[in-house]
Amino acid sequence: MTKKIHIRIIKLTLLTLIPFSIFSQDLKDKKIEFSITGGALLPGKVQGSYESDYNPDSTVTITNKVSPLIKFVTDFNILPYLSVGINVNFAKFNINDILYKDESMKEGNEVSLGYWDDREHIIPLDDIKMLETNVSVKGRFILTDKIVIKPCVYLGYRKTFSSSPDAREKGLVLNYNIEYQYYFKTNHFLTADLGIFSQPYGGVTHVAHVRSFGVPYITIGYGFAI
């Protein structure tokens, strides 16, 4: 009688573990992941300078408001614990203020950088859109049969678009984030990420050098894996 009970317990245990084992192995075997997320750029700082060494006498600090952001991501899981990917980020960059030596330069809904080359150079505060294309390297940690954590580093190219040529900037992107994935079905997951956008090098041609070491962001969305 005891032997039969033990056999039944073993059978029940195996029946319980098998689905989880299949699911966990299934996560390890995922080769490609696609996701779309939406969220916001959070308040941060960007520097603009007439000089490449960012001399304080020729440098302004740009602060941004919370701004809408959307991300499209494709990841290739080359190993169960390592991914490489590509992604496209699009945001409307809403400027809060532009400061020179802690004093606001804002006049209405724009900032004047001065007059040269036979024209006034203007930065609009709410007419800048940002597009990025990046490649990434990501760690991939499968914590449970449904949860994956992915710390990431992105390298890429950024360009801004505006009605003002003085706000059309391009530069080198170096971003960091941590992604969280929750698989609610075998091939479908919810995803969220918290990160930082930075630009170590770039600028507006013949106008200013531009750099940033910390505009945080957050997004949430949906993903599909195969």
C-alpha atoms as a PDB file:
ATOM      1  CA  MET A   1       0.000   0.000   0.000  1.00  0.00           C
ATOM      2  CA  THR A   2       2.799   2.386   0.934  1.00  0.00           C
ATOM      3  CA  LYS A   3       4.639   1.556  -2.273  1.00  0.00           C
ATOM      4  CA  LYS A   4       1.569   2.360  -4.368  1.00  0.00           C
ATOM      5  CA  ILE A   5       1.162   5.695  -2.573  1.00  0.00           C
ATOM      6  CA  HIS A   6       4.806   6.549  -3.260  1.00  0.00           C
ATOM      7  CA  ILE A   7       4.405   5.694  -6.943  1.00  0.00           C
ATOM      8  CA  ARG A   8       1.296   7.883  -7.169  1.00  0.00           C
ATOM      9  CA  ILE A   9       3.116  10.770  -5.474  1.00  0.00           C
ATOM     10  CA  ILE A  10       6.011  10.418  -7.925  1.00  0.00           C
ATOM     11  CA  LYS A  11       3.591  10.396 -10.882  1.00  0.00           C
ATOM     12  CA  LEU A  12       1.764  13.477  -9.604  1.00  0.00           C
ATOM     13  CA  THR A  13       5.076  15.266  -9.007  1.00  0.00           C
ATOM     14  CA  LEU A  14       6.262  14.493 -12.532  1.00  0.00           C
ATOM     15  CA  LEU A  15       2.943  15.615 -14.027  1.00  0.00           C
ATOM     16  CA  THR A  16       3.267  18.862 -12.085  1.00  0.00           C
ATOM     17  CA  LEU A  17       6.901  19.527 -13.042  1.00  0.00           C
ATOM     18  CA  ILE A  18       6.761  18.587 -16.718  1.00  0.00           C
ATOM     19  CA  PRO A  19       4.720  21.632 -17.870  1.00  0.00           C
ATOM     20  CA  PHE A  20       7.063  23.988 -15.994  1.00  0.00           C
ATOM     21  CA  SER A  21      10.130  22.225 -17.386  1.00  0.00           C
ATOM     22  CA  ILE A  22       8.775  22.500 -20.919  1.00  0.00           C
ATOM     23  CA  PHE A  23       7.960  26.176 -20.397  1.00  0.00           C
ATOM     24  CA  SER A  24      11.376  26.977 -18.922  1.00  0.00           C
ATOM     25  CA  GLN A  25      13.140  25.163 -21.746  1.00  0.00           C
ATOM     26  CA  ASP A  26      10.841  26.949 -24.170  1.00  0.00           C
ATOM     27  CA  LEU A  27      12.069  30.316 -22.851  1.00  0.00           C
ATOM     28  CA  LYS A  28      15.683  29.235 -23.331  1.00  0.00           C
ATOM     29  CA  ASP A  29      14.904  28.153 -26.894  1.00  0.00           C
ATOM     30  CA  LYS A  30      13.380  31.455 -28.017  1.00  0.00           C
ATOM     31  CA  LYS A  31      15.463  32.758 -30.920  1.00  0.00           C
ATOM     32  CA  ILE A  32      13.854  36.093 -31.853  1.00  0.00           C
ATOM     33  CA  GLU A  33      11.801  38.591 -29.838  1.00  0.00           C
ATOM     34  CA  PHE A  34       9.806  41.542 -31.172  1.00  0.00           C
ATOM     35  CA  SER A  35       8.307  44.251 -28.982  1.00  0.00           C
ATOM     36  CA  ILE A  36       6.665  47.650 -29.138  1.00  0.00           C
ATOM     37  CA  THR A  37       6.555  49.863 -26.069  1.00  0.00           C
ATOM     38  CA  GLY A  38       5.370  53.340 -25.241  1.00  0.00           C
ATOM     39  CA  GLY A  39       6.228  55.659 -22.405  1.00  0.00           C
ATOM     40  CA  ALA A  40       8.022  58.883 -21.665  1.00  0.00           C
ATOM     41  CA  LEU A  41      11.310  60.680 -21.505  1.00  0.00           C
ATOM     42  CA  LEU A  42      11.629  61.951 -17.951  1.00  0.00           C
ATOM     43  CA  PRO A  43      13.169  65.302 -16.953  1.00  0.00           C
ATOM     44  CA  GLY A  44      16.898  65.430 -17.679  1.00  0.00           C
ATOM     45  CA  LYS A  45      19.669  67.703 -18.943  1.00  0.00           C
ATOM     46  CA  VAL A  46      21.440  68.312 -22.259  1.00  0.00           C
ATOM     47  CA  GLN A  47      24.387  70.638 -22.853  1.00  0.00           C
ATOM     48  CA  GLY A  48      24.933  72.811 -25.897  1.00  0.00           C
ATOM     49  CA  SER A  49      28.108  74.790 -26.523  1.00  0.00           C
ATOM     50  CA  TYR A  50      29.749  76.926 -29.186  1.00  0.00           C
ATOM     51  CA  GLU A  51      33.068  75.311 -28.209  1.00  0.00           C
ATOM     52  CA  SER A  52      34.039  71.633 -28.308  1.00  0.00           C
ATOM     53  CA  ASP A  53      35.531  71.753 -24.803  1.00  0.00           C
ATOM     54  CA  TYR A  54      32.214  73.014 -23.348  1.00  0.00           C
ATOM     55  CA  ASN A  55      33.694  76.119 -21.816  1.00  0.00           C
ATOM     56  CA  PRO A  56      31.183  77.394 -19.201  1.00  0.00           C
ATOM     57  CA  ASP A  57      31.261  80.845 -20.793  1.00  0.00           C
ATOM     58  CA  SER A  58      29.903  79.448 -24.064  1.00  0.00           C
ATOM     59  CA  THR A  59      27.694  76.590 -22.819  1.00  0.00           C
ATOM     60  CA  VAL A  60      23.983  76.385 -22.076  1.00  0.00           C
ATOM     61  CA  THR A  61      22.035  73.709 -20.187  1.00  0.00           C
ATOM     62  CA  ILE A  62      18.812  72.438 -21.764  1.00  0.00           C
ATOM     63  CA  THR A  63      16.221  70.894 -19.445  1.00  0.00           C
ATOM     64  CA  ASN A  64      13.322  68.875 -20.810  1.00  0.00           C
ATOM     65  CA  LYS A  65       9.756  68.225 -19.722  1.00  0.00           C
ATOM     66  CA  VAL A  66       8.163  64.760 -19.614  1.00  0.00           C
ATOM     67  CA  SER A  67       7.929  63.869 -23.321  1.00  0.00           C
ATOM     68  CA  PRO A  68       6.220  61.001 -25.213  1.00  0.00           C
ATOM     69  CA  LEU A  69       8.381  58.093 -26.403  1.00  0.00           C
ATOM     70  CA  ILE A  70       7.792  54.971 -28.495  1.00  0.00           C
ATOM     71  CA  LYS A  71      10.247  52.081 -29.069  1.00  0.00           C
ATOM     72  CA  PHE A  72      10.379  49.230 -31.603  1.00  0.00           C
ATOM     73  CA  VAL A  73      12.760  46.415 -30.635  1.00  0.00           C
ATOM     74  CA  THR A  74      13.996  43.212 -32.290  1.00  0.00           C
ATOM     75  CA  ASP A  75      16.294  40.926 -30.287  1.00  0.00           C
ATOM     76  CA  PHE A  76      18.182  37.844 -31.466  1.00  0.00           C
ATOM     77  CA  ASN A  77      18.972  35.405 -28.653  1.00  0.00           C
ATOM     78  CA  ILE A  78      22.327  34.048 -29.791  1.00  0.00           C
ATOM     79  CA  LEU A  79      22.720  32.201 -26.463  1.00  0.00           C
ATOM     80  CA  PRO A  80      20.177  31.450 -23.706  1.00  0.00           C
ATOM     81  CA  TYR A  81      21.872  34.145 -21.601  1.00  0.00           C
ATOM     82  CA  LEU A  82      22.910  36.660 -24.317  1.00  0.00           C
ATOM     83  CA  SER A  83      21.049  38.717 -26.942  1.00  0.00           C
ATOM     84  CA  VAL A  84      21.992  41.179 -29.651  1.00  0.00           C
ATOM     85  CA  GLY A  85      19.405  43.450 -31.169  1.00  0.00           C
ATOM     86  CA  ILE A  86      18.336  46.465 -33.146  1.00  0.00           C
ATOM     87  CA  ASN A  87      15.789  49.067 -32.182  1.00  0.00           C
ATOM     88  CA  VAL A  88      14.223  52.337 -33.269  1.00  0.00           C
ATOM     89  CA  ASN A  89      13.208  55.023 -30.771  1.00  0.00           C
ATOM     90  CA  PHE A  90      11.010  58.013 -31.540  1.00  0.00           C
ATOM     91  CA  ALA A  91      10.225  60.847 -29.141  1.00  0.00           C
ATOM     92  CA  LYS A  92       8.910  64.389 -29.077  1.00  0.00           C
ATOM     93  CA  PHE A  93      11.500  66.305 -27.089  1.00  0.00           C
ATOM     94  CA  ASN A  94       9.706  69.052 -25.175  1.00  0.00           C
ATOM     95  CA  ILE A  95      12.126  71.625 -23.754  1.00  0.00           C
ATOM     96  CA  ASN A  96      11.360  73.098 -20.357  1.00  0.00           C
ATOM     97  CA  ASP A  97      14.039  75.804 -20.385  1.00  0.00           C
ATOM     98  CA  ILE A  98      17.498  76.730 -21.659  1.00  0.00           C
ATOM     99  CA  LEU A  99      19.802  78.106 -18.989  1.00  0.00           C
ATOM    100  CA  TYR A 100      22.970  80.155 -19.338  1.00  0.00           C
ATOM    101  CA  LYS A 101      24.881  80.308 -16.050  1.00  0.00           C
ATOM    102  CA  ASP A 102      21.670  79.267 -14.267  1.00  0.00           C
ATOM    103  CA  GLU A 103      19.677  82.126 -15.839  1.00  0.00           C
ATOM    104  CA  SER A 104      16.711  81.384 -18.101  1.00  0.00           C
ATOM    105  CA  MET A 105      17.016  82.389 -21.758  1.00  0.00           C
ATOM    106  CA  LYS A 106      13.390  81.604 -22.516  1.00  0.00           C
ATOM    107  CA  GLU A 107      11.280  84.233 -24.249  1.00  0.00           C
ATOM    108  CA  GLY A 108       7.751  82.985 -24.782  1.00  0.00           C
ATOM    109  CA  ASN A 109       7.954  79.643 -26.552  1.00  0.00           C
ATOM    110  CA  GLU A 110      11.492  79.913 -27.893  1.00  0.00           C
ATOM    111  CA  VAL A 111      15.089  80.836 -27.117  1.00  0.00           C
ATOM    112  CA  SER A 112      17.268  83.140 -29.191  1.00  0.00           C
ATOM    113  CA  LEU A 113      20.912  82.082 -29.494  1.00  0.00           C
ATOM    114  CA  GLY A 114      21.871  85.375 -31.085  1.00  0.00           C
ATOM    115  CA  TYR A 115      22.221  86.988 -34.501  1.00  0.00           C
ATOM    116  CA  TRP A 116      24.922  85.992 -36.987  1.00  0.00           C
ATOM    117  CA  ASP A 117      25.165  84.773 -40.591  1.00  0.00           C
ATOM    118  CA  ASP A 118      22.519  87.382 -41.419  1.00  0.00           C
ATOM    119  CA  ARG A 119      19.799  85.714 -39.371  1.00  0.00           C
ATOM    120  CA  GLU A 120      18.457  85.144 -35.862  1.00  0.00           C
ATOM    121  CA  HIS A 121      19.213  81.675 -34.491  1.00  0.00           C
ATOM    122  CA  ILE A 122      16.176  80.272 -32.673  1.00  0.00           C
ATOM    123  CA  ILE A 123      15.523  77.130 -30.607  1.00  0.00           C
ATOM    124  CA  PRO A 124      11.771  76.325 -30.355  1.00  0.00           C
ATOM    125  CA  LEU A 125      10.742  74.765 -27.057  1.00  0.00           C
ATOM    126  CA  ASP A 126       8.025  72.429 -28.360  1.00  0.00           C
ATOM    127  CA  ASP A 127       9.009  71.694 -31.966  1.00  0.00           C
ATOM    128  CA  ILE A 128      11.768  69.089 -31.712  1.00  0.00           C
ATOM    129  CA  LYS A 129      11.323  65.415 -32.591  1.00  0.00           C
ATOM    130  CA  MET A 130      13.995  62.797 -32.006  1.00  0.00           C
ATOM    131  CA  LEU A 131      14.686  59.587 -33.963  1.00  0.00           C
ATOM    132  CA  GLU A 132      17.264  56.965 -32.962  1.00  0.00           C
ATOM    133  CA  THR A 133      18.494  53.743 -34.537  1.00  0.00           C
ATOM    134  CA  ASN A 134      20.580  51.527 -32.262  1.00  0.00           C
ATOM    135  CA  VAL A 135      22.265  48.158 -31.966  1.00  0.00           C
ATOM    136  CA  SER A 136      22.362  46.477 -28.569  1.00  0.00           C
ATOM    137  CA  VAL A 137      24.028  43.836 -26.432  1.00  0.00           C
ATOM    138  CA  LYS A 138      21.878  42.383 -23.656  1.00  0.00           C
ATOM    139  CA  GLY A 139      22.331  39.935 -20.849  1.00  0.00           C
ATOM    140  CA  ARG A 140      19.394  37.520 -20.531  1.00  0.00           C
ATOM    141  CA  PHE A 141      18.548  36.102 -17.102  1.00  0.00           C
ATOM    142  CA  ILE A 142      15.640  33.657 -16.891  1.00  0.00           C
ATOM    143  CA  LEU A 143      14.524  34.037 -13.276  1.00  0.00           C
ATOM    144  CA  THR A 144      11.441  31.798 -13.372  1.00  0.00           C
ATOM    145  CA  ASP A 145       9.355  29.949 -15.944  1.00  0.00           C
ATOM    146  CA  LYS A 146       7.735  33.310 -16.872  1.00  0.00           C
ATOM    147  CA  ILE A 147      10.110  36.135 -15.934  1.00  0.00           C
ATOM    148  CA  VAL A 148      13.213  37.341 -17.805  1.00  0.00           C
ATOM    149  CA  ILE A 149      15.456  40.277 -16.857  1.00  0.00           C
ATOM    150  CA  LYS A 150      17.708  41.855 -19.514  1.00  0.00           C
ATOM    151  CA  PRO A 151      20.332  44.531 -18.706  1.00  0.00           C
ATOM    152  CA  CYS A 152      21.232  46.318 -21.943  1.00  0.00           C
ATOM    153  CA  VAL A 153      23.754  48.628 -23.602  1.00  0.00           C
ATOM    154  CA  TYR A 154      22.866  50.425 -26.864  1.00  0.00           C
ATOM    155  CA  LEU A 155      25.124  52.145 -29.396  1.00  0.00           C
ATOM    156  CA  GLY A 156      23.674  54.097 -32.278  1.00  0.00           C
ATOM    157  CA  TYR A 157      22.779  57.278 -34.127  1.00  0.00           C
ATOM    158  CA  ARG A 158      20.385  60.069 -33.183  1.00  0.00           C
ATOM    159  CA  LYS A 159      18.849  62.797 -35.305  1.00  0.00           C
ATOM    160  CA  THR A 160      16.416  65.548 -34.399  1.00  0.00           C
ATOM    161  CA  PHE A 161      13.873  67.233 -36.651  1.00  0.00           C
ATOM    162  CA  SER A 162      12.498  70.754 -36.265  1.00  0.00           C
ATOM    163  CA  SER A 163      11.134  73.704 -38.205  1.00  0.00           C
ATOM    164  CA  SER A 164      14.246  75.554 -37.005  1.00  0.00           C
ATOM    165  CA  PRO A 165      17.596  74.532 -38.557  1.00  0.00           C
ATOM    166  CA  ASP A 166      19.234  75.460 -35.247  1.00  0.00           C
ATOM    167  CA  ALA A 167      17.475  72.529 -33.557  1.00  0.00           C
ATOM    168  CA  ARG A 168      18.330  69.901 -36.200  1.00  0.00           C
ATOM    169  CA  GLU A 169      20.955  67.939 -34.346  1.00  0.00           C
ATOM    170  CA  LYS A 170      22.683  64.587 -34.871  1.00  0.00           C
ATOM    171  CA  GLY A 171      25.005  62.559 -32.713  1.00  0.00           C
ATOM    172  CA  LEU A 172      26.377  59.343 -31.270  1.00  0.00           C
ATOM    173  CA  VAL A 173      24.023  57.445 -28.941  1.00  0.00           C
ATOM    174  CA  LEU A 174      25.086  55.479 -25.866  1.00  0.00           C
ATOM    175  CA  ASN A 175      22.038  54.256 -23.916  1.00  0.00           C
ATOM    176  CA  TYR A 176      21.560  51.918 -20.959  1.00  0.00           C
ATOM    177  CA  ASN A 177      18.490  50.171 -19.592  1.00  0.00           C
ATOM    178  CA  ILE A 178      17.061  47.173 -17.773  1.00  0.00           C
ATOM    179  CA  GLU A 179      14.184  45.311 -19.422  1.00  0.00           C
ATOM    180  CA  TYR A 180      11.637  43.184 -17.603  1.00  0.00           C
ATOM    181  CA  GLN A 181       9.653  40.514 -19.478  1.00  0.00           C
ATOM    182  CA  TYR A 182       6.654  38.600 -18.173  1.00  0.00           C
ATOM    183  CA  TYR A 183       5.456  35.699 -20.346  1.00  0.00           C
ATOM    184  CA  PHE A 184       1.704  35.385 -19.891  1.00  0.00           C
ATOM    185  CA  LYS A 185       1.595  32.858 -22.752  1.00  0.00           C
ATOM    186  CA  THR A 186       4.246  30.677 -24.362  1.00  0.00           C
ATOM    187  CA  ASN A 187       5.072  33.189 -27.117  1.00  0.00           C
ATOM    188  CA  HIS A 188       3.588  36.394 -25.726  1.00  0.00           C
ATOM    189  CA  PHE A 189       4.988  38.672 -23.054  1.00  0.00           C
ATOM    190  CA  LEU A 190       4.477  41.996 -21.369  1.00  0.00           C
ATOM    191  CA  THR A 191       7.590  44.125 -21.168  1.00  0.00           C
ATOM    192  CA  ALA A 192       8.745  47.212 -19.301  1.00  0.00           C
ATOM    193  CA  ASP A 193      12.061  48.997 -19.229  1.00  0.00           C
ATOM    194  CA  LEU A 194      13.758  51.767 -17.308  1.00  0.00           C
ATOM    195  CA  GLY A 195      16.840  53.398 -18.759  1.00  0.00           C
ATOM    196  CA  ILE A 196      18.964  56.418 -19.629  1.00  0.00           C
ATOM    197  CA  PHE A 197      19.469  58.129 -22.993  1.00  0.00           C
ATOM    198  CA  SER A 198      22.898  59.701 -23.429  1.00  0.00           C
ATOM    199  CA  GLN A 199      24.806  61.333 -26.257  1.00  0.00           C
ATOM    200  CA  PRO A 200      28.564  61.650 -25.696  1.00  0.00           C
ATOM    201  CA  TYR A 201      29.192  63.356 -29.029  1.00  0.00           C
ATOM    202  CA  GLY A 202      27.173  65.359 -31.564  1.00  0.00           C
ATOM    203  CA  GLY A 203      25.815  68.748 -32.471  1.00  0.00           C
ATOM    204  CA  VAL A 204      24.106  71.131 -34.877  1.00  0.00           C
ATOM    205  CA  THR A 205      26.282  71.820 -37.932  1.00  0.00           C
ATOM    206  CA  HIS A 206      27.934  75.273 -37.817  1.00  0.00           C
ATOM    207  CA  VAL A 207      25.941  76.187 -34.690  1.00  0.00           C
ATOM    208  CA  ALA A 208      26.767  74.181 -31.558  1.00  0.00           C
ATOM    209  CA  HIS A 209      28.170  71.012 -30.029  1.00  0.00           C
ATOM    210  CA  VAL A 210      25.586  68.951 -28.110  1.00  0.00           C
ATOM    211  CA  ARG A 211      26.013  66.255 -25.476  1.00  0.00           C
ATOM    212  CA  SER A 212      24.020  64.601 -22.723  1.00  0.00           C
ATOM    213  CA  PHE A 213      24.865  62.106 -19.992  1.00  0.00           C
ATOM    214  CA  GLY A 214      21.477  61.468 -18.500  1.00  0.00           C
ATOM    215  CA  VAL A 215      17.906  61.753 -19.757  1.00  0.00           C
ATOM    216  CA  PRO A 216      16.000  58.924 -18.016  1.00  0.00           C
ATOM    217  CA  TYR A 217      13.021  57.170 -19.569  1.00  0.00           C
ATOM    218  CA  ILE A 218      10.437  54.479 -18.891  1.00  0.00           C
ATOM    219  CA  THR A 219       8.244  52.417 -21.239  1.00  0.00           C
ATOM    220  CA  ILE A 220       5.794  49.502 -21.092  1.00  0.00           C
ATOM    221  CA  GLY A 221       4.384  47.369 -23.881  1.00  0.00           C
ATOM    222  CA  TYR A 222       3.835  44.031 -25.601  1.00  0.00           C
ATOM    223  CA  GLY A 223       6.193  41.499 -27.149  1.00  0.00           C
ATOM    224  CA  PHE A 224       6.121  38.312 -29.234  1.00  0.00           C
ATOM    225  CA  ALA A 225       8.805  35.601 -29.322  1.00  0.00           C
ATOM    226  CA  ILE A 226       9.531  32.702 -31.688  1.00  0.00           C
END
